[in-house]
N, C-alpha and C. Protein backbone atom coordinates (compact mmCIF):
# COMPACT_ATOMS: atom_id res chain seq x y z
N MET A 1 -11.63 14.52 -18.12
CA MET A 1 -12.38 13.69 -17.48
C MET A 1 -13.76 14.20 -16.86
N THR A 2 -14.64 13.29 -16.74
CA THR A 2 -16.22 13.46 -16.27
C THR A 2 -16.19 14.03 -14.71
N HIS A 3 -15.00 13.89 -13.92
CA HIS A 3 -14.95 14.40 -12.50
C HIS A 3 -14.16 15.70 -12.30
N ASP A 4 -13.48 16.32 -13.50
CA ASP A 4 -12.93 17.45 -13.33
C ASP A 4 -13.93 18.66 -12.97
N LEU A 5 -13.79 19.53 -12.08
CA LEU A 5 -14.36 20.83 -11.76
C LEU A 5 -14.26 22.08 -12.53
N PRO A 6 -15.10 22.86 -13.12
CA PRO A 6 -14.59 24.08 -13.39
C PRO A 6 -14.17 24.85 -12.41
N HIS A 7 -13.30 25.92 -12.48
CA HIS A 7 -12.69 26.94 -11.44
C HIS A 7 -13.99 27.70 -10.86
N SER A 8 -14.82 28.02 -11.54
CA SER A 8 -16.21 28.77 -11.38
C SER A 8 -17.17 28.18 -10.50
N LEU A 9 -16.91 26.94 -10.26
CA LEU A 9 -17.90 26.44 -9.30
C LEU A 9 -18.11 26.86 -7.91
N ARG A 10 -18.93 27.21 -7.16
CA ARG A 10 -19.00 27.61 -5.66
C ARG A 10 -18.22 26.69 -4.88
N SER A 11 -17.78 27.26 -3.53
CA SER A 11 -17.09 26.41 -2.74
C SER A 11 -17.98 25.22 -2.22
N ASP A 12 -19.15 25.46 -2.17
CA ASP A 12 -20.10 24.52 -1.52
C ASP A 12 -19.80 23.24 -2.42
N ALA A 13 -19.81 23.52 -3.93
CA ALA A 13 -20.08 22.47 -4.88
C ALA A 13 -18.55 21.81 -4.72
N ARG A 14 -17.46 22.57 -4.51
CA ARG A 14 -16.14 21.84 -4.57
C ARG A 14 -16.22 21.10 -3.31
N ASP A 15 -16.77 21.65 -2.01
CA ASP A 15 -16.92 20.52 -0.84
C ASP A 15 -17.58 19.43 -0.98
N ASN A 16 -18.68 19.50 -1.57
CA ASN A 16 -19.57 18.37 -1.87
C ASN A 16 -18.76 17.27 -2.71
N HIS A 17 -17.81 17.64 -3.56
CA HIS A 17 -17.24 16.96 -4.58
C HIS A 17 -15.94 16.08 -3.71
N GLU A 18 -15.29 16.86 -2.64
CA GLU A 18 -14.26 16.36 -1.90
C GLU A 18 -14.98 15.54 -0.91
N ARG A 19 -16.04 15.80 -0.22
CA ARG A 19 -16.64 14.88 0.59
C ARG A 19 -17.25 13.46 -0.14
N LEU A 20 -17.83 13.55 -1.32
CA LEU A 20 -17.88 12.37 -1.99
C LEU A 20 -16.71 11.54 -2.44
N LEU A 21 -15.79 12.05 -2.66
CA LEU A 21 -14.32 11.25 -2.82
C LEU A 21 -14.11 10.77 -1.59
N GLU A 22 -13.96 11.32 -0.34
CA GLU A 22 -13.49 10.74 0.67
C GLU A 22 -14.37 9.63 1.30
N ALA A 23 -15.69 10.02 0.96
CA ALA A 23 -16.80 8.66 1.46
C ALA A 23 -16.49 7.39 0.47
N ALA A 24 -16.26 7.82 -0.69
CA ALA A 24 -16.25 6.69 -1.62
C ALA A 24 -15.02 5.89 -1.32
N ARG A 25 -13.69 6.77 -0.98
CA ARG A 25 -12.54 6.08 -0.76
C ARG A 25 -12.54 5.15 0.40
N ALA A 26 -13.21 5.68 1.47
CA ALA A 26 -13.46 4.97 2.84
C ALA A 26 -14.32 3.76 2.50
N LEU A 27 -15.36 3.70 1.83
CA LEU A 27 -16.58 2.71 1.80
C LEU A 27 -15.83 1.58 0.88
N PHE A 28 -15.16 2.24 -0.34
CA PHE A 28 -14.45 1.26 -1.21
C PHE A 28 -13.47 0.35 -0.71
N SER A 29 -12.62 1.03 0.43
CA SER A 29 -11.46 0.49 0.88
C SER A 29 -12.18 -0.62 1.95
N ARG A 30 -13.04 -0.19 2.69
CA ARG A 30 -13.79 -1.14 3.98
C ARG A 30 -14.51 -2.43 3.05
N GLU A 31 -15.17 -2.08 2.17
CA GLU A 31 -16.41 -2.95 1.62
C GLU A 31 -16.02 -3.40 0.17
N GLY A 32 -15.27 -2.85 -0.57
CA GLY A 32 -14.98 -3.05 -1.86
C GLY A 32 -15.92 -2.45 -2.79
N LEU A 33 -15.70 -2.53 -3.97
CA LEU A 33 -16.68 -1.88 -4.89
C LEU A 33 -18.06 -2.00 -5.18
N SER A 34 -18.65 -3.05 -4.43
CA SER A 34 -20.14 -3.32 -4.53
C SER A 34 -20.68 -2.43 -3.76
N VAL A 35 -20.14 -1.43 -2.96
CA VAL A 35 -20.97 -0.55 -2.23
C VAL A 35 -22.07 0.50 -3.09
N PRO A 36 -23.21 0.47 -2.63
CA PRO A 36 -24.05 1.33 -3.54
C PRO A 36 -23.97 2.66 -3.69
N MET A 37 -24.20 3.44 -4.93
CA MET A 37 -23.91 4.74 -4.92
C MET A 37 -24.68 5.59 -3.85
N ARG A 38 -25.92 5.08 -3.67
CA ARG A 38 -26.95 5.68 -2.65
C ARG A 38 -26.22 6.01 -1.16
N GLU A 39 -25.44 4.79 -0.66
CA GLU A 39 -24.78 4.69 0.40
C GLU A 39 -23.62 5.76 0.48
N ILE A 40 -22.92 5.70 -0.78
CA ILE A 40 -21.80 6.78 -0.69
C ILE A 40 -22.41 8.18 -0.55
N ALA A 41 -23.57 8.71 -1.12
CA ALA A 41 -24.13 9.67 -1.01
C ALA A 41 -24.34 9.86 0.46
N ARG A 42 -24.93 8.93 0.99
CA ARG A 42 -25.39 9.03 2.43
C ARG A 42 -24.31 9.38 3.59
N ARG A 43 -23.14 8.58 3.14
CA ARG A 43 -21.89 8.72 3.73
C ARG A 43 -21.61 10.36 3.74
N ALA A 44 -21.60 10.70 2.31
CA ALA A 44 -21.09 12.23 2.17
C ALA A 44 -22.08 13.25 2.63
N ASP A 45 -23.23 13.03 3.31
CA ASP A 45 -24.30 13.74 3.61
C ASP A 45 -24.89 14.69 2.50
N VAL A 46 -25.01 13.73 1.20
CA VAL A 46 -25.45 14.76 0.40
C VAL A 46 -26.72 14.03 -0.56
N GLY A 47 -27.41 14.25 -1.36
CA GLY A 47 -28.48 13.57 -2.01
C GLY A 47 -27.79 13.01 -3.32
N PRO A 48 -28.58 12.03 -3.82
CA PRO A 48 -28.19 11.24 -4.81
C PRO A 48 -28.00 12.08 -6.01
N ALA A 49 -28.93 13.14 -6.34
CA ALA A 49 -28.71 13.87 -7.45
C ALA A 49 -27.45 14.94 -7.35
N THR A 50 -26.94 15.21 -6.20
CA THR A 50 -25.76 15.72 -6.05
C THR A 50 -24.55 14.86 -6.53
N LEU A 51 -24.65 13.62 -6.08
CA LEU A 51 -23.67 12.78 -6.28
C LEU A 51 -23.69 12.58 -8.03
N TYR A 52 -24.75 12.24 -8.42
CA TYR A 52 -24.64 12.24 -10.15
C TYR A 52 -24.25 13.25 -10.89
N ARG A 53 -24.44 14.58 -10.19
CA ARG A 53 -24.02 15.67 -11.02
C ARG A 53 -22.52 15.77 -11.11
N HIS A 54 -21.73 15.34 -9.87
CA HIS A 54 -20.27 15.30 -9.78
C HIS A 54 -19.87 13.96 -10.60
N PHE A 55 -20.42 12.79 -10.38
CA PHE A 55 -19.98 11.71 -10.82
C PHE A 55 -21.01 10.91 -11.48
N PRO A 56 -21.47 11.07 -12.81
CA PRO A 56 -22.46 10.51 -13.60
C PRO A 56 -22.50 9.03 -13.72
N THR A 57 -21.43 8.18 -13.42
CA THR A 57 -21.31 6.76 -13.12
C THR A 57 -20.34 6.41 -12.13
N LYS A 58 -20.73 5.26 -12.02
CA LYS A 58 -19.84 4.54 -10.89
C LYS A 58 -18.57 4.48 -11.52
N GLU A 59 -18.40 4.07 -12.62
CA GLU A 59 -16.83 4.05 -13.14
C GLU A 59 -16.02 5.53 -13.00
N SER A 60 -16.72 6.50 -13.33
CA SER A 60 -16.32 7.68 -13.04
C SER A 60 -15.72 8.06 -11.69
N LEU A 61 -16.51 7.75 -10.63
CA LEU A 61 -16.32 7.68 -9.36
C LEU A 61 -15.06 6.98 -8.93
N VAL A 62 -15.06 5.59 -9.53
CA VAL A 62 -14.09 4.62 -8.99
C VAL A 62 -12.77 5.30 -9.40
N ALA A 63 -12.71 5.85 -10.77
CA ALA A 63 -11.53 6.30 -11.44
C ALA A 63 -10.92 7.38 -10.46
N ALA A 64 -11.93 8.28 -10.19
CA ALA A 64 -11.40 9.48 -9.50
C ALA A 64 -10.94 9.20 -7.98
N ALA A 65 -11.52 8.27 -7.23
CA ALA A 65 -11.47 7.82 -6.02
C ALA A 65 -10.15 7.19 -5.94
N PHE A 66 -9.42 6.39 -6.81
CA PHE A 66 -8.48 5.72 -6.88
C PHE A 66 -7.03 6.34 -7.65
N ALA A 67 -7.46 7.36 -8.07
CA ALA A 67 -6.38 8.29 -9.08
C ALA A 67 -5.01 8.37 -8.27
N ASP A 68 -4.94 8.45 -7.01
CA ASP A 68 -3.82 8.51 -6.38
C ASP A 68 -3.30 7.36 -6.08
N GLN A 69 -3.85 6.27 -5.87
CA GLN A 69 -3.27 4.94 -5.60
C GLN A 69 -2.71 4.36 -6.88
N LEU A 70 -3.37 5.00 -8.00
CA LEU A 70 -3.04 4.20 -9.50
C LEU A 70 -1.49 5.08 -9.84
N ARG A 71 -1.52 6.15 -9.29
CA ARG A 71 -0.26 6.91 -9.69
C ARG A 71 0.95 6.18 -9.10
N ALA A 72 0.50 5.99 -7.58
CA ALA A 72 1.54 5.50 -6.69
C ALA A 72 1.99 4.06 -7.41
N CYS A 73 1.06 3.04 -7.71
CA CYS A 73 1.36 1.86 -8.05
C CYS A 73 2.29 2.20 -9.50
N GLN A 74 1.90 2.88 -10.19
CA GLN A 74 2.63 3.27 -11.70
C GLN A 74 4.09 3.67 -11.31
N ASP A 75 4.20 4.44 -10.24
CA ASP A 75 5.54 4.79 -9.80
C ASP A 75 6.22 3.74 -9.33
N ILE A 76 5.69 2.84 -8.49
CA ILE A 76 6.23 1.39 -8.10
C ILE A 76 7.02 0.84 -9.35
N VAL A 77 6.14 0.35 -10.16
CA VAL A 77 6.43 -0.44 -11.32
C VAL A 77 7.38 0.27 -12.29
N ASP A 78 7.42 1.78 -12.30
CA ASP A 78 8.36 2.36 -13.06
C ASP A 78 9.84 2.38 -12.65
N GLN A 79 9.80 2.61 -11.30
CA GLN A 79 10.89 2.66 -10.68
C GLN A 79 11.71 1.08 -10.75
N ALA A 80 10.76 0.12 -10.44
CA ALA A 80 11.58 -1.31 -10.56
C ALA A 80 11.97 -1.37 -12.03
N SER A 81 11.24 -1.10 -13.05
CA SER A 81 11.77 -1.48 -14.26
C SER A 81 12.83 -0.72 -14.52
N ALA A 82 13.27 0.38 -13.97
CA ALA A 82 14.34 1.11 -14.32
C ALA A 82 15.56 0.57 -13.42
N ASP A 83 15.28 -0.39 -12.84
CA ASP A 83 16.47 -0.89 -11.87
C ASP A 83 17.48 -1.64 -12.78
N PRO A 84 18.54 -1.16 -12.88
CA PRO A 84 19.83 -2.23 -13.78
C PRO A 84 19.44 -3.80 -13.51
N ASP A 85 19.10 -4.15 -12.12
CA ASP A 85 19.15 -5.63 -11.67
C ASP A 85 17.61 -5.94 -11.74
N PRO A 86 17.14 -6.71 -12.93
CA PRO A 86 15.74 -6.91 -13.01
C PRO A 86 15.14 -7.65 -11.95
N TRP A 87 16.00 -8.57 -11.28
CA TRP A 87 15.42 -9.51 -10.14
C TRP A 87 15.12 -8.41 -9.04
N HIS A 88 16.19 -7.80 -8.50
CA HIS A 88 16.20 -6.81 -7.60
C HIS A 88 14.70 -6.20 -7.93
N GLY A 89 14.65 -5.36 -8.85
CA GLY A 89 13.61 -4.64 -9.11
C GLY A 89 12.29 -5.33 -9.05
N LEU A 90 12.32 -6.38 -9.55
CA LEU A 90 11.05 -7.31 -9.57
C LEU A 90 10.73 -7.57 -8.05
N CYS A 91 11.68 -8.07 -7.12
CA CYS A 91 11.45 -8.25 -5.78
C CYS A 91 11.05 -6.86 -4.97
N GLN A 92 11.42 -5.89 -5.40
CA GLN A 92 11.15 -4.59 -4.70
C GLN A 92 9.79 -4.06 -5.14
N MET A 93 9.44 -4.51 -6.35
CA MET A 93 8.08 -4.17 -7.02
C MET A 93 6.85 -4.99 -6.34
N ILE A 94 7.35 -6.11 -5.85
CA ILE A 94 6.14 -7.36 -5.45
C ILE A 94 6.02 -6.70 -3.93
N GLU A 95 7.12 -6.28 -3.25
CA GLU A 95 6.90 -6.01 -1.96
C GLU A 95 6.38 -4.76 -1.82
N ASN A 96 6.50 -3.91 -2.57
CA ASN A 96 5.74 -2.45 -2.44
C ASN A 96 4.34 -2.36 -3.10
N VAL A 97 4.03 -3.50 -3.89
CA VAL A 97 2.57 -3.31 -4.53
C VAL A 97 1.85 -4.46 -3.74
N CYS A 98 2.38 -5.09 -3.06
CA CYS A 98 1.54 -6.17 -1.94
C CYS A 98 1.21 -4.85 -0.78
N GLU A 99 2.21 -4.07 -0.41
CA GLU A 99 1.71 -3.23 0.63
C GLU A 99 0.79 -2.27 0.41
N LEU A 100 0.93 -1.63 -0.90
CA LEU A 100 -0.02 -0.58 -1.21
C LEU A 100 -1.38 -1.25 -1.28
N HIS A 101 -1.65 -2.64 -1.80
CA HIS A 101 -2.64 -2.93 -1.88
C HIS A 101 -3.46 -3.49 -0.87
N ALA A 102 -2.33 -3.88 0.20
CA ALA A 102 -2.95 -4.35 1.42
C ALA A 102 -3.79 -3.10 2.09
N ARG A 103 -3.30 -2.02 1.76
CA ARG A 103 -4.05 -0.98 2.63
C ARG A 103 -5.31 -0.41 1.81
N ASP A 104 -5.62 -0.99 0.79
CA ASP A 104 -6.82 -0.41 0.12
C ASP A 104 -7.43 -1.81 -0.45
N ARG A 105 -8.49 -2.18 -0.09
CA ARG A 105 -9.18 -3.51 -0.81
C ARG A 105 -9.86 -3.09 -2.17
N GLY A 106 -10.51 -1.89 -2.08
CA GLY A 106 -11.19 -1.27 -3.27
C GLY A 106 -10.22 -1.24 -4.41
N PHE A 107 -9.17 -0.60 -4.12
CA PHE A 107 -8.30 -0.45 -5.21
C PHE A 107 -7.49 -1.54 -5.67
N THR A 108 -7.72 -2.59 -4.99
CA THR A 108 -7.27 -4.23 -5.49
C THR A 108 -8.28 -4.83 -6.64
N GLU A 109 -9.59 -4.50 -6.08
CA GLU A 109 -10.88 -5.04 -6.69
C GLU A 109 -10.69 -4.17 -8.17
N ALA A 110 -10.42 -3.06 -8.05
CA ALA A 110 -10.46 -1.93 -9.53
C ALA A 110 -9.29 -2.66 -10.17
N PHE A 111 -8.22 -2.66 -9.87
CA PHE A 111 -7.17 -3.01 -10.48
C PHE A 111 -7.07 -4.08 -11.23
N LEU A 112 -7.58 -5.34 -10.41
CA LEU A 112 -7.78 -6.62 -10.81
C LEU A 112 -8.74 -6.95 -11.93
N SER A 113 -9.75 -6.05 -11.68
CA SER A 113 -10.97 -6.19 -12.98
C SER A 113 -11.02 -5.30 -13.85
N ALA A 114 -9.73 -4.30 -13.80
CA ALA A 114 -9.72 -3.20 -14.89
C ALA A 114 -11.29 -2.76 -15.08
N TYR A 115 -11.73 -2.37 -13.86
CA TYR A 115 -13.06 -1.90 -13.59
C TYR A 115 -13.88 -1.59 -14.99
N PRO A 116 -15.09 -1.90 -15.23
CA PRO A 116 -15.82 -1.89 -16.54
C PRO A 116 -15.72 -0.32 -16.96
N ARG A 117 -15.39 -0.22 -18.24
CA ARG A 117 -15.67 1.26 -18.81
C ARG A 117 -14.82 2.45 -17.94
N ALA A 118 -13.87 2.18 -17.01
CA ALA A 118 -13.17 3.15 -16.18
C ALA A 118 -11.74 3.11 -17.10
N ALA A 119 -11.77 4.00 -18.19
CA ALA A 119 -10.63 3.77 -19.19
C ALA A 119 -9.23 4.15 -18.48
N GLY A 120 -9.25 4.91 -17.66
CA GLY A 120 -8.19 5.40 -16.90
C GLY A 120 -7.42 4.16 -16.54
N LEU A 121 -8.35 3.54 -15.55
CA LEU A 121 -7.96 2.40 -14.93
C LEU A 121 -7.14 1.06 -15.82
N THR A 122 -8.19 0.98 -16.98
CA THR A 122 -7.65 -0.15 -17.87
C THR A 122 -6.65 0.28 -18.52
N THR A 123 -6.34 1.40 -19.14
CA THR A 123 -4.97 1.74 -19.77
C THR A 123 -3.85 1.53 -18.74
N SER A 124 -3.94 2.16 -17.77
CA SER A 124 -3.03 2.15 -16.66
C SER A 124 -2.63 0.71 -16.42
N ARG A 125 -3.29 -0.19 -16.08
CA ARG A 125 -3.17 -1.61 -15.78
C ARG A 125 -2.49 -2.31 -17.06
N GLU A 126 -2.95 -1.97 -18.08
CA GLU A 126 -2.21 -2.62 -19.11
C GLU A 126 -0.96 -2.22 -19.37
N HIS A 127 -0.34 -0.83 -19.21
CA HIS A 127 0.89 -0.40 -19.31
C HIS A 127 1.69 -0.98 -18.02
N MET A 128 1.26 -1.32 -16.88
CA MET A 128 1.92 -1.75 -15.92
C MET A 128 2.10 -3.40 -16.31
N LEU A 129 1.08 -3.81 -16.57
CA LEU A 129 1.43 -5.47 -16.90
C LEU A 129 2.43 -5.72 -17.86
N LYS A 130 2.46 -4.73 -18.96
CA LYS A 130 3.70 -4.98 -19.87
C LYS A 130 5.00 -4.43 -19.43
N ALA A 131 4.97 -3.74 -18.62
CA ALA A 131 6.22 -3.46 -17.94
C ALA A 131 6.76 -4.51 -17.15
N ILE A 132 5.68 -5.09 -16.47
CA ILE A 132 6.10 -6.13 -15.27
C ILE A 132 6.52 -7.60 -16.22
N ALA A 133 5.79 -7.61 -17.26
CA ALA A 133 6.42 -8.59 -18.27
C ALA A 133 7.76 -8.60 -18.68
N ASP A 134 8.00 -7.66 -19.02
CA ASP A 134 9.48 -7.09 -19.66
C ASP A 134 10.34 -7.39 -18.39
N MET A 135 10.15 -6.87 -17.44
CA MET A 135 10.86 -6.94 -16.19
C MET A 135 11.03 -8.65 -15.89
N ALA A 136 10.24 -9.41 -15.95
CA ALA A 136 10.14 -10.57 -15.51
C ALA A 136 10.85 -11.34 -16.73
N GLY A 137 10.91 -11.03 -17.97
CA GLY A 137 11.69 -11.64 -19.10
C GLY A 137 13.27 -11.43 -18.82
N ARG A 138 13.49 -10.38 -18.21
CA ARG A 138 15.02 -10.00 -17.96
C ARG A 138 15.15 -10.86 -16.78
N ALA A 139 14.50 -10.97 -15.78
CA ALA A 139 14.95 -11.37 -14.55
C ALA A 139 15.20 -12.86 -14.83
N LYS A 140 14.38 -13.64 -15.73
CA LYS A 140 14.61 -14.87 -16.06
C LYS A 140 15.84 -15.12 -16.82
N ARG A 141 16.31 -14.18 -17.72
CA ARG A 141 17.64 -14.22 -18.24
C ARG A 141 18.79 -13.95 -17.38
N THR A 142 18.54 -13.68 -16.33
CA THR A 142 19.69 -13.43 -15.25
C THR A 142 19.85 -14.82 -14.66
N GLY A 143 18.56 -15.98 -14.56
CA GLY A 143 18.81 -16.86 -14.03
C GLY A 143 18.22 -16.98 -12.67
N HIS A 144 17.85 -15.74 -12.15
CA HIS A 144 17.27 -15.59 -10.66
C HIS A 144 15.74 -15.85 -10.63
N LEU A 145 15.00 -15.58 -11.80
CA LEU A 145 13.40 -15.89 -11.71
C LEU A 145 13.20 -17.25 -12.17
N ARG A 146 12.42 -18.15 -11.43
CA ARG A 146 11.97 -19.52 -12.05
C ARG A 146 11.46 -19.41 -13.54
N PRO A 147 11.78 -20.30 -14.20
CA PRO A 147 11.61 -20.16 -15.68
C PRO A 147 10.15 -20.48 -16.19
N ASP A 148 9.42 -20.84 -15.20
CA ASP A 148 8.01 -21.28 -15.43
C ASP A 148 7.18 -20.02 -14.88
N PHE A 149 7.51 -19.36 -14.40
CA PHE A 149 6.73 -18.02 -14.08
C PHE A 149 6.02 -17.31 -15.33
N VAL A 150 4.85 -16.83 -14.79
CA VAL A 150 3.93 -16.12 -16.10
C VAL A 150 3.27 -15.30 -15.35
N LEU A 151 2.78 -14.16 -16.23
CA LEU A 151 2.25 -12.96 -15.70
C LEU A 151 1.16 -13.02 -14.86
N ASP A 152 0.35 -14.10 -15.04
CA ASP A 152 -0.83 -14.65 -14.12
C ASP A 152 -0.63 -14.90 -12.78
N ASP A 153 0.61 -15.42 -12.60
CA ASP A 153 1.09 -15.64 -11.12
C ASP A 153 0.97 -14.35 -10.37
N LEU A 154 1.27 -13.20 -10.92
CA LEU A 154 1.19 -12.02 -10.47
C LEU A 154 -0.24 -11.76 -9.91
N VAL A 155 -0.91 -11.83 -10.91
CA VAL A 155 -2.30 -11.63 -10.41
C VAL A 155 -2.95 -12.55 -9.52
N LEU A 156 -2.43 -13.70 -9.61
CA LEU A 156 -2.81 -14.78 -8.55
C LEU A 156 -2.18 -14.16 -7.05
N MET A 157 -1.21 -13.71 -7.15
CA MET A 157 -0.48 -13.11 -5.83
C MET A 157 -1.40 -11.90 -5.12
N LEU A 158 -1.93 -10.96 -6.27
CA LEU A 158 -2.57 -9.82 -5.74
C LEU A 158 -4.11 -10.35 -5.22
N MET A 159 -4.41 -11.44 -5.81
CA MET A 159 -5.69 -12.12 -5.48
C MET A 159 -5.80 -12.72 -4.15
N ALA A 160 -4.74 -13.32 -3.81
CA ALA A 160 -4.29 -13.97 -2.52
C ALA A 160 -4.20 -12.77 -1.41
N ASN A 161 -3.36 -12.00 -1.96
CA ASN A 161 -3.07 -10.65 -1.06
C ASN A 161 -4.21 -9.97 -0.43
N LYS A 162 -5.05 -9.93 -1.22
CA LYS A 162 -6.34 -9.23 -1.08
C LYS A 162 -7.24 -10.11 0.04
N GLY A 163 -6.93 -11.14 0.02
CA GLY A 163 -7.55 -12.14 1.10
C GLY A 163 -7.18 -12.01 2.44
N ILE A 164 -6.21 -11.20 2.62
CA ILE A 164 -5.62 -11.12 3.91
C ILE A 164 -6.71 -10.09 4.97
N GLN A 165 -7.21 -10.45 5.76
CA GLN A 165 -8.16 -9.60 6.59
C GLN A 165 -7.73 -9.55 7.99
N THR A 166 -7.41 -8.60 8.59
CA THR A 166 -6.99 -8.64 9.80
C THR A 166 -7.76 -7.38 10.56
N ALA A 167 -7.43 -7.34 12.08
CA ALA A 167 -8.48 -6.42 12.86
C ALA A 167 -7.77 -4.99 12.89
N SER A 168 -6.50 -4.91 12.39
CA SER A 168 -6.11 -3.42 12.16
C SER A 168 -5.06 -3.25 11.08
N PRO A 169 -5.19 -2.12 10.33
CA PRO A 169 -4.53 -1.79 9.04
C PRO A 169 -3.12 -2.29 9.46
N THR A 170 -2.22 -2.03 10.40
CA THR A 170 -0.91 -2.13 10.78
C THR A 170 -0.57 -3.76 10.91
N THR A 171 -1.66 -4.44 11.32
CA THR A 171 -1.38 -5.82 11.11
C THR A 171 -1.50 -6.44 9.76
N GLN A 172 -2.51 -6.03 9.10
CA GLN A 172 -2.48 -6.21 7.70
C GLN A 172 -1.60 -5.94 6.69
N VAL A 173 -0.83 -4.95 7.14
CA VAL A 173 0.42 -4.63 6.14
C VAL A 173 1.56 -5.72 6.82
N ALA A 174 1.54 -5.79 7.96
CA ALA A 174 2.65 -6.60 8.48
C ALA A 174 2.67 -8.05 7.86
N ALA A 175 1.28 -8.61 7.74
CA ALA A 175 0.92 -9.87 7.39
C ALA A 175 1.23 -9.77 5.62
N SER A 176 0.80 -8.84 5.00
CA SER A 176 0.97 -8.77 3.53
C SER A 176 2.80 -8.71 3.11
N ARG A 177 3.25 -8.01 4.18
CA ARG A 177 4.91 -8.17 3.95
C ARG A 177 5.49 -9.52 4.16
N ARG A 178 5.04 -10.21 5.00
CA ARG A 178 5.39 -11.55 5.08
C ARG A 178 4.80 -12.48 4.13
N PHE A 179 3.65 -12.17 3.69
CA PHE A 179 3.29 -13.04 2.48
C PHE A 179 3.95 -12.72 1.01
N ALA A 180 4.40 -11.35 0.92
CA ALA A 180 5.38 -10.98 -0.22
C ALA A 180 6.70 -11.81 -0.17
N ALA A 181 7.15 -11.90 1.01
CA ALA A 181 8.42 -12.78 1.29
C ALA A 181 8.49 -14.06 0.84
N PHE A 182 7.28 -14.49 1.31
CA PHE A 182 7.00 -16.01 0.84
C PHE A 182 6.92 -16.14 -0.83
N VAL A 183 6.14 -15.17 -1.43
CA VAL A 183 6.09 -15.01 -2.95
C VAL A 183 7.31 -15.18 -3.51
N ILE A 184 8.25 -14.27 -2.87
CA ILE A 184 9.45 -13.89 -3.60
C ILE A 184 10.66 -15.45 -3.50
N GLN A 185 10.18 -15.86 -2.43
CA GLN A 185 10.94 -17.25 -2.10
C GLN A 185 10.66 -18.10 -3.26
N ALA A 186 9.24 -18.14 -3.24
CA ALA A 186 8.60 -19.31 -4.15
C ALA A 186 9.23 -19.07 -5.80
N LEU A 187 9.36 -17.73 -5.94
CA LEU A 187 9.72 -17.45 -7.39
C LEU A 187 11.10 -17.49 -7.51
N THR A 188 11.99 -17.47 -6.57
CA THR A 188 13.58 -17.85 -6.92
C THR A 188 13.76 -18.85 -7.56
N ASN A 189 14.57 -18.97 -8.49
CA ASN A 189 15.01 -20.03 -9.39
C ASN A 189 16.19 -20.83 -8.55
N GLY A 190 15.83 -22.00 -8.66
CA GLY A 190 16.71 -23.06 -7.66
C GLY A 190 16.51 -24.48 -8.13
N PRO A 191 17.57 -25.25 -7.58
CA PRO A 191 17.49 -26.61 -7.72
C PRO A 191 16.54 -27.51 -7.35
N HIS A 192 15.87 -26.83 -6.25
CA HIS A 192 14.97 -27.84 -5.72
C HIS A 192 13.37 -27.25 -6.12
N ASN A 193 13.43 -26.40 -7.37
CA ASN A 193 12.05 -25.93 -7.51
C ASN A 193 11.04 -27.28 -8.09
N ALA A 194 9.93 -27.47 -7.59
CA ALA A 194 9.05 -28.69 -8.36
C ALA A 194 8.49 -28.09 -9.36
N PRO A 195 7.88 -28.99 -10.27
CA PRO A 195 7.31 -28.31 -11.37
C PRO A 195 5.89 -27.80 -10.80
N LEU A 196 5.36 -26.74 -11.36
CA LEU A 196 4.05 -26.27 -11.09
C LEU A 196 2.85 -26.86 -12.03
N PRO A 197 1.74 -26.73 -11.37
CA PRO A 197 0.49 -27.01 -12.13
C PRO A 197 0.54 -26.06 -13.63
N PRO A 198 -0.37 -26.41 -14.46
CA PRO A 198 -0.60 -25.35 -15.63
C PRO A 198 -0.95 -24.00 -14.98
N PRO A 199 -0.64 -22.91 -15.50
CA PRO A 199 -1.16 -21.79 -15.02
C PRO A 199 -2.63 -21.51 -15.47
N ALA A 200 -3.43 -20.67 -14.54
CA ALA A 200 -4.71 -20.26 -15.00
C ALA A 200 -4.78 -19.12 -15.73
N ARG A 201 -5.30 -18.81 -16.69
CA ARG A 201 -5.49 -17.72 -17.20
C ARG A 201 -6.36 -16.46 -16.73
N LEU A 202 -5.56 -15.53 -16.09
CA LEU A 202 -6.38 -14.59 -15.23
C LEU A 202 -6.32 -13.23 -15.69
N THR A 203 -5.38 -12.89 -16.63
CA THR A 203 -5.29 -11.52 -17.21
C THR A 203 -6.04 -11.64 -18.74
N SER A 204 -6.77 -10.65 -18.73
CA SER A 204 -7.77 -10.25 -19.90
C SER A 204 -7.02 -9.58 -21.10
N THR A 205 -5.57 -9.12 -21.08
CA THR A 205 -5.17 -8.40 -21.93
C THR A 205 -4.49 -9.32 -23.27
N GLY A 206 -3.70 -8.61 -23.97
CA GLY A 206 -2.88 -9.27 -24.81
C GLY A 206 -1.58 -9.29 -24.51
N VAL A 207 -1.06 -8.82 -23.26
CA VAL A 207 0.25 -8.78 -22.71
C VAL A 207 0.95 -10.26 -23.04
N ASP A 208 2.56 -10.12 -23.48
CA ASP A 208 3.13 -11.17 -23.11
C ASP A 208 3.12 -11.87 -21.85
N ASN A 209 2.75 -13.25 -21.41
CA ASN A 209 2.51 -13.42 -20.25
C ASN A 209 3.88 -13.78 -19.30
N GLY A 210 4.91 -13.24 -19.73
CA GLY A 210 6.20 -13.45 -19.10
C GLY A 210 6.86 -14.63 -19.15
N GLN A 211 6.65 -15.30 -20.49
CA GLN A 211 7.05 -16.58 -20.85
C GLN A 211 8.34 -16.30 -21.73
N ARG A 212 8.97 -15.61 -21.35
CA ARG A 212 10.45 -15.17 -22.07
C ARG A 212 11.58 -15.46 -21.94
């Protein structure tokens, strides 16, 4: 990847690399992905030329900054998919993914948009969506997940979860957990489910939309 560092680089170069990542994570989390590259360089106390030596494009910086969150999200989906009870796995996945995304606005933006030309984000996102679609299909066959659920409903959930803005991270996570509980209740199949309006197409992949 473009952000990997040769072992021979001087320690000050490695320090610059880490400061840039820390600055990017902080600003992306607070302000989203629209933060200018020059602001990230200023926050890291380096010049723009140093920033572009380490990260030639914003896409490479985004991919590096969110590598840990992406792995955490992948682990959540993989663990849920491995659950022998697909409905339980799906509910756990919703709770954990909402909390993960509530902690970092920038990661939610990167995940939802499959950030342009950030190949690692796009590939991982498609892999996760396919796994979730498969899990949803199995949960429907158990009779627990409402039959009109589609994968775009999950994207809609993440978009709504991203809108939770509170004064403190602790309150934000608490609000996200309550929101996830509402989502799970809404997705539970039952005799009183009212028909939903037609789904809005929010995913840009060729993934089966969970209508199995």
